[in-house]
């Protein structure tokens, strides 16, 4: 069992070295094309994929690979393709900055470890399903090279998911800030409109008074009473005489005096 495992690892190591050797001889144009493949915006979020290094590689080895790649795709080394070379060069710089910093490299490694864990869980789930169906539960991912490929694919997906969540969070913050600013502008405009109305109303006061005075002169409208003026009480109207059917009102009788 141990011998078989050792042989499998040796094969994996040899294949990995062959892949690295092929990548090492890529021309500047091929490296630029690799870094600008369709979907590179999300593909290049994985710093290990950009620099083509194993996540478990030492920082010194990663630095060497960064230097080789940065020279290959540098815009000055590619005068006939400077714009694309600059984009590729920027991707390499971002990848190195991520891995050079202790904290961001730790975060990147956590993504890789999550991808490894999920891949193993997926493999176990596949095995259970195949076993239940009575089929052979040997998997492609049992091959170390194919396992590594599966992990790399899932790693890129996880990096892309993190980036989408970050963008959504930023968009939400921007939308909230925009709404808040629009409300502030609206409130400010209302306040200015009220102030302008009050100012115009006050400035036109004398004009309204003059217009009313002119109108009263032309149409004989009585002036309103001045403050403090008390109107005289009207005299009480005389009481109307009561009606009598005989035409006159008999005099009142006086009591006799004895």
Protein backbone atom coordinates (compact mmCIF):
# COMPACT_ATOMS: atom_id res chain seq x y z
CA UNK A 1 0.00 0.00 0.00
CA UNK A 2 2.80 2.35 0.99
CA UNK A 3 4.80 1.43 -2.11
CA UNK A 4 1.82 2.14 -4.36
CA UNK A 5 1.27 5.47 -2.67
CA UNK A 6 4.91 6.42 -3.08
CA UNK A 7 4.83 5.48 -6.76
CA UNK A 8 1.70 7.58 -7.31
CA UNK A 9 3.30 10.57 -5.67
CA UNK A 10 6.45 10.19 -7.76
CA UNK A 11 4.37 10.18 -10.94
CA UNK A 12 2.49 13.25 -9.77
CA UNK A 13 5.73 15.06 -8.96
CA UNK A 14 7.20 14.27 -12.36
CA UNK A 15 4.09 15.47 -14.18
CA UNK A 16 4.06 18.65 -12.11
CA UNK A 17 7.68 19.35 -12.99
CA UNK A 18 6.92 18.79 -16.66
CA UNK A 19 4.08 21.32 -16.51
CA UNK A 20 6.33 23.82 -14.76
CA UNK A 21 9.04 23.25 -17.34
CA UNK A 22 6.58 23.94 -20.16
CA UNK A 23 5.40 27.11 -18.47
CA UNK A 24 8.99 28.24 -17.95
CA UNK A 25 9.65 28.33 -21.67
CA UNK A 26 6.51 30.24 -22.59
CA UNK A 27 7.29 33.30 -24.70
CA UNK A 28 6.29 36.78 -23.58
CA UNK A 29 3.34 36.71 -25.99
CA UNK A 30 2.20 33.34 -24.67
CA UNK A 31 2.37 34.57 -21.09
CA UNK A 32 0.38 37.69 -21.99
CA UNK A 33 -2.19 35.53 -23.77
CA UNK A 34 -2.39 33.24 -20.75
CA UNK A 35 -3.04 36.15 -18.39
CA UNK A 36 -5.63 37.69 -20.71
CA UNK A 37 -7.70 34.61 -21.48
CA UNK A 38 -11.49 35.09 -21.60
CA UNK A 39 -12.71 35.49 -18.05
CA UNK A 40 -9.29 36.68 -16.86
CA UNK A 41 -10.91 39.29 -14.59
CA UNK A 42 -11.99 36.50 -12.25
CA UNK A 43 -9.27 34.00 -13.19
CA UNK A 44 -6.55 36.43 -12.15
CA UNK A 45 -8.03 36.86 -8.67
CA UNK A 46 -6.16 33.68 -7.72
CA UNK A 47 -2.58 34.85 -7.09
CA UNK A 48 -1.19 31.31 -7.23
CA UNK A 49 -2.73 30.79 -10.67
CA UNK A 50 -1.38 34.11 -11.94
CA UNK A 51 2.18 33.35 -10.83
CA UNK A 52 1.79 29.63 -11.66
CA UNK A 53 3.11 28.51 -8.29
CA UNK A 54 2.03 25.84 -5.85
CA UNK A 55 0.37 27.35 -2.77
CA UNK A 56 2.79 25.45 -0.54
CA UNK A 57 5.85 26.88 -2.26
CA UNK A 58 8.19 29.03 -0.15
CA UNK A 59 8.01 32.81 -0.45
CA UNK A 60 11.54 32.96 -1.88
CA UNK A 61 10.61 30.57 -4.67
CA UNK A 62 7.43 32.53 -5.38
CA UNK A 63 9.49 35.71 -5.56
CA UNK A 64 11.81 34.18 -8.15
CA UNK A 65 8.84 33.20 -10.30
CA UNK A 66 7.37 36.70 -9.95
CA UNK A 67 10.60 38.28 -11.17
CA UNK A 68 10.85 36.00 -14.21
CA UNK A 69 7.24 36.63 -15.21
CA UNK A 70 7.40 40.39 -14.60
CA UNK A 71 10.39 40.63 -16.96
CA UNK A 72 8.66 38.56 -19.64
CA UNK A 73 5.46 40.63 -19.74
CA UNK A 74 6.89 44.05 -18.92
CA UNK A 75 5.51 46.68 -21.34
CA UNK A 76 9.01 47.88 -22.19
CA UNK A 77 9.88 44.34 -23.32
CA UNK A 78 6.77 44.19 -25.50
CA UNK A 79 6.71 47.48 -27.47
CA UNK A 80 4.36 46.05 -30.08
CA UNK A 81 1.79 44.96 -27.50
CA UNK A 82 2.24 47.47 -24.70
CA UNK A 83 -1.41 47.85 -23.69
CA UNK A 84 -2.02 44.13 -23.20
CA UNK A 85 1.42 43.72 -21.64
CA UNK A 86 0.58 46.43 -19.10
CA UNK A 87 -2.62 44.61 -18.12
CA UNK A 88 -0.72 41.34 -17.69
CA UNK A 89 2.07 43.07 -15.77
CA UNK A 90 -0.47 44.66 -13.40
CA UNK A 91 -2.02 41.24 -12.72
CA UNK A 92 1.39 39.82 -11.82
CA UNK A 93 2.16 42.75 -9.52
CA UNK A 94 -1.18 42.37 -7.71
CA UNK A 95 -0.60 38.63 -7.27
CA UNK A 96 2.86 39.20 -5.80
CA UNK A 97 1.59 41.96 -3.49
CA UNK A 98 -1.07 39.57 -2.20
CA UNK A 99 1.39 36.78 -1.47
CA UNK A 100 4.17 39.03 -0.20
CA UNK A 101 2.00 40.41 2.60
CA UNK A 102 1.64 37.99 5.50
CA UNK A 103 -2.02 38.71 6.23
CA UNK A 104 -3.29 38.65 2.63
CA UNK A 105 -1.30 35.50 1.90
CA UNK A 106 -2.89 33.86 4.94
CA UNK A 107 -6.33 34.82 3.61
CA UNK A 108 -5.45 33.40 0.18
CA UNK A 109 -4.25 30.15 1.76
CA UNK A 110 -7.54 29.87 3.66
CA UNK A 111 -9.35 29.96 0.31
CA UNK A 112 -7.08 27.20 -1.02
CA UNK A 113 -7.61 25.06 2.09
CA UNK A 114 -11.37 25.51 1.77
CA UNK A 115 -11.14 24.38 -1.87
CA UNK A 116 -9.16 21.31 -0.86
CA UNK A 117 -11.64 20.46 1.88
CA UNK A 118 -14.64 20.88 -0.40
CA UNK A 119 -13.01 18.79 -3.13
CA UNK A 120 -12.43 15.94 -0.69
CA UNK A 121 -16.01 16.19 0.54
CA UNK A 122 -17.27 16.09 -3.05
CA UNK A 123 -15.15 13.01 -3.68
CA UNK A 124 -16.59 11.24 -0.64
CA UNK A 125 -20.11 12.12 -1.73
CA UNK A 126 -19.44 10.71 -5.19
CA UNK A 127 -18.04 7.51 -3.67
CA UNK A 128 -21.10 7.01 -1.48
CA UNK A 129 -23.40 7.52 -4.44
CA UNK A 130 -21.46 5.11 -6.68
CA UNK A 131 -21.25 2.52 -3.92
CA UNK A 132 -25.00 2.76 -3.37
CA UNK A 133 -25.55 2.21 -7.10
CA UNK A 134 -23.25 -0.82 -7.03
CA UNK A 135 -20.69 0.81 -9.31
CA UNK A 136 -16.94 1.15 -9.01
CA UNK A 137 -16.20 4.11 -6.83
CA UNK A 138 -12.76 4.87 -8.24
CA UNK A 139 -12.63 8.58 -9.09
CA UNK A 140 -10.63 10.69 -11.52
CA UNK A 141 -9.67 12.89 -8.59
CA UNK A 142 -7.82 9.94 -7.04
CA UNK A 143 -5.08 10.87 -9.48
CA UNK A 144 -3.00 13.58 -7.68
CA UNK A 145 -2.68 15.66 -10.83
CA UNK A 146 -6.43 15.63 -11.48
CA UNK A 147 -7.07 16.29 -7.80
CA UNK A 148 -4.84 19.36 -8.04
CA UNK A 149 -6.70 20.52 -11.14
CA UNK A 150 -10.05 20.11 -9.36
CA UNK A 151 -8.74 22.08 -6.39
CA UNK A 152 -7.45 24.85 -8.69
CA UNK A 153 -10.82 25.14 -10.44
CA UNK A 154 -12.69 25.33 -7.15
CA UNK A 155 -10.13 27.79 -5.77
CA UNK A 156 -10.77 30.16 -8.68
CA UNK A 157 -14.52 29.82 -8.14
CA UNK A 158 -14.17 30.68 -4.45
CA UNK A 159 -12.01 33.72 -5.23
CA UNK A 160 -14.61 34.83 -7.79
CA UNK A 161 -17.43 34.38 -5.24
CA UNK A 162 -15.54 36.48 -2.70
CA UNK A 163 -14.98 39.22 -5.28
CA UNK A 164 -18.67 39.26 -6.25
CA UNK A 165 -19.69 39.57 -2.60
CA UNK A 166 -17.20 42.40 -2.14
CA UNK A 167 -18.57 44.22 -5.18
CA UNK A 168 -22.16 43.74 -4.02
CA UNK A 169 -21.25 45.14 -0.63
CA UNK A 170 -19.56 48.15 -2.23
CA UNK A 171 -22.51 48.67 -4.57
CA UNK A 172 -24.92 48.59 -1.62
CA UNK A 173 -22.81 51.11 0.29
CA UNK A 174 -22.63 53.33 -2.80
CA UNK A 175 -26.39 53.05 -3.38
CA UNK A 176 -27.13 53.92 0.25
CA UNK A 177 -24.73 56.86 0.11
CA UNK A 178 -26.35 58.03 -3.15
CA UNK A 179 -29.85 57.86 -1.65
CA UNK A 180 -28.68 59.75 1.42
CA UNK A 181 -27.05 62.44 -0.71
CA UNK A 182 -30.16 62.77 -2.91
CA UNK A 183 -32.31 63.22 0.22
CA UNK A 184 -29.94 65.88 1.53
CA UNK A 185 -30.07 67.74 -1.79
CA UNK A 186 -33.87 67.51 -1.86
CA UNK A 187 -34.18 68.84 1.70
CA UNK A 188 -31.75 71.64 0.90
CA UNK A 189 -33.72 72.64 -2.20
CA UNK A 190 -36.98 72.71 -0.20
CA UNK A 191 -35.35 74.86 2.46
CA UNK A 192 -34.03 77.28 -0.19
CA UNK A 193 -37.46 77.47 -1.85
CA UNK A 194 -39.12 78.37 1.46
CA UNK A 195 -36.47 81.00 2.20
CA UNK A 196 -36.86 82.48 -1.29
CA UNK A 197 -40.65 82.60 -0.95
CA UNK A 198 -40.46 84.32 2.43
CA UNK A 199 -37.92 86.81 1.08
CA UNK A 200 -40.07 87.64 -1.98
CA UNK A 201 -43.19 87.92 0.18
CA UNK A 202 -41.50 90.40 2.51
CA UNK A 203 -40.00 92.44 -0.32
CA UNK A 204 -43.39 92.72 -2.07
CA UNK A 205 -45.26 93.81 1.08
CA UNK A 206 -45.13 97.56 0.31
CA UNK A 207 -46.23 96.91 -3.25
CA UNK A 208 -49.30 95.04 -2.03
CA UNK A 209 -50.17 97.88 0.38
CA UNK A 210 -49.79 100.52 -2.36
CA UNK A 211 -51.92 98.45 -4.73
CA UNK A 212 -54.71 98.15 -2.13
CA UNK A 213 -54.65 101.88 -1.37
CA UNK A 214 -54.89 102.70 -5.06
CA UNK A 215 -57.82 100.31 -5.43
CA UNK A 216 -59.73 101.85 -2.50
CA UNK A 217 -59.29 105.37 -3.90
CA UNK A 218 -60.60 104.39 -7.32
CA UNK A 219 -63.61 102.47 -6.05
CA UNK A 220 -64.47 104.39 -2.91
CA UNK A 221 -63.95 101.51 -0.61
CA UNK A 222 -64.05 102.58 3.02
CA UNK A 223 -60.82 102.37 4.85
CA UNK A 224 -60.65 99.69 7.43
CA UNK A 225 -60.99 100.98 10.98
CA UNK A 226 -57.79 101.94 12.68
CA UNK A 227 -56.60 99.84 15.55
CA UNK A 228 -58.25 100.87 18.84
CA UNK A 229 -61.22 102.43 17.09
CA UNK A 230 -64.58 101.65 18.75
CA UNK A 231 -67.70 102.03 16.67
CA UNK A 232 -70.57 104.09 18.24
CA UNK A 233 -73.52 102.12 19.36
CA UNK A 234 -76.49 102.59 17.09
CA UNK A 235 -79.58 104.09 18.65
CA UNK A 236 -82.21 101.63 19.49
CA UNK A 237 -85.04 101.73 17.06
CA UNK A 238 -88.34 102.93 18.44
CA UNK A 239 -90.69 100.19 19.27
CA UNK A 240 -93.43 99.84 16.70
CA UNK A 241 -96.93 100.76 17.91
CA UNK A 242 -99.15 97.85 18.70
CA UNK A 243 -102.17 97.38 16.43
CA UNK A 244 -105.71 98.06 17.89
CA UNK A 245 -108.92 96.89 16.16
CA UNK A 246 -110.87 100.06 17.17
CA UNK A 247 -108.39 102.38 15.55
CA UNK A 248 -107.15 103.97 18.73
CA UNK A 249 -105.61 102.98 21.97
CA UNK A 250 -107.74 103.69 25.05
CA UNK A 251 -106.08 105.63 27.82
CA UNK A 252 -104.97 103.86 30.88
CA UNK A 253 -107.31 104.12 33.81
CA UNK A 254 -106.14 105.66 36.99
CA UNK A 255 -107.19 104.21 40.30
CA UNK A 256 -109.55 106.39 42.32
CA UNK A 257 -108.20 108.10 45.33
CA UNK A 258 -110.33 108.28 48.45
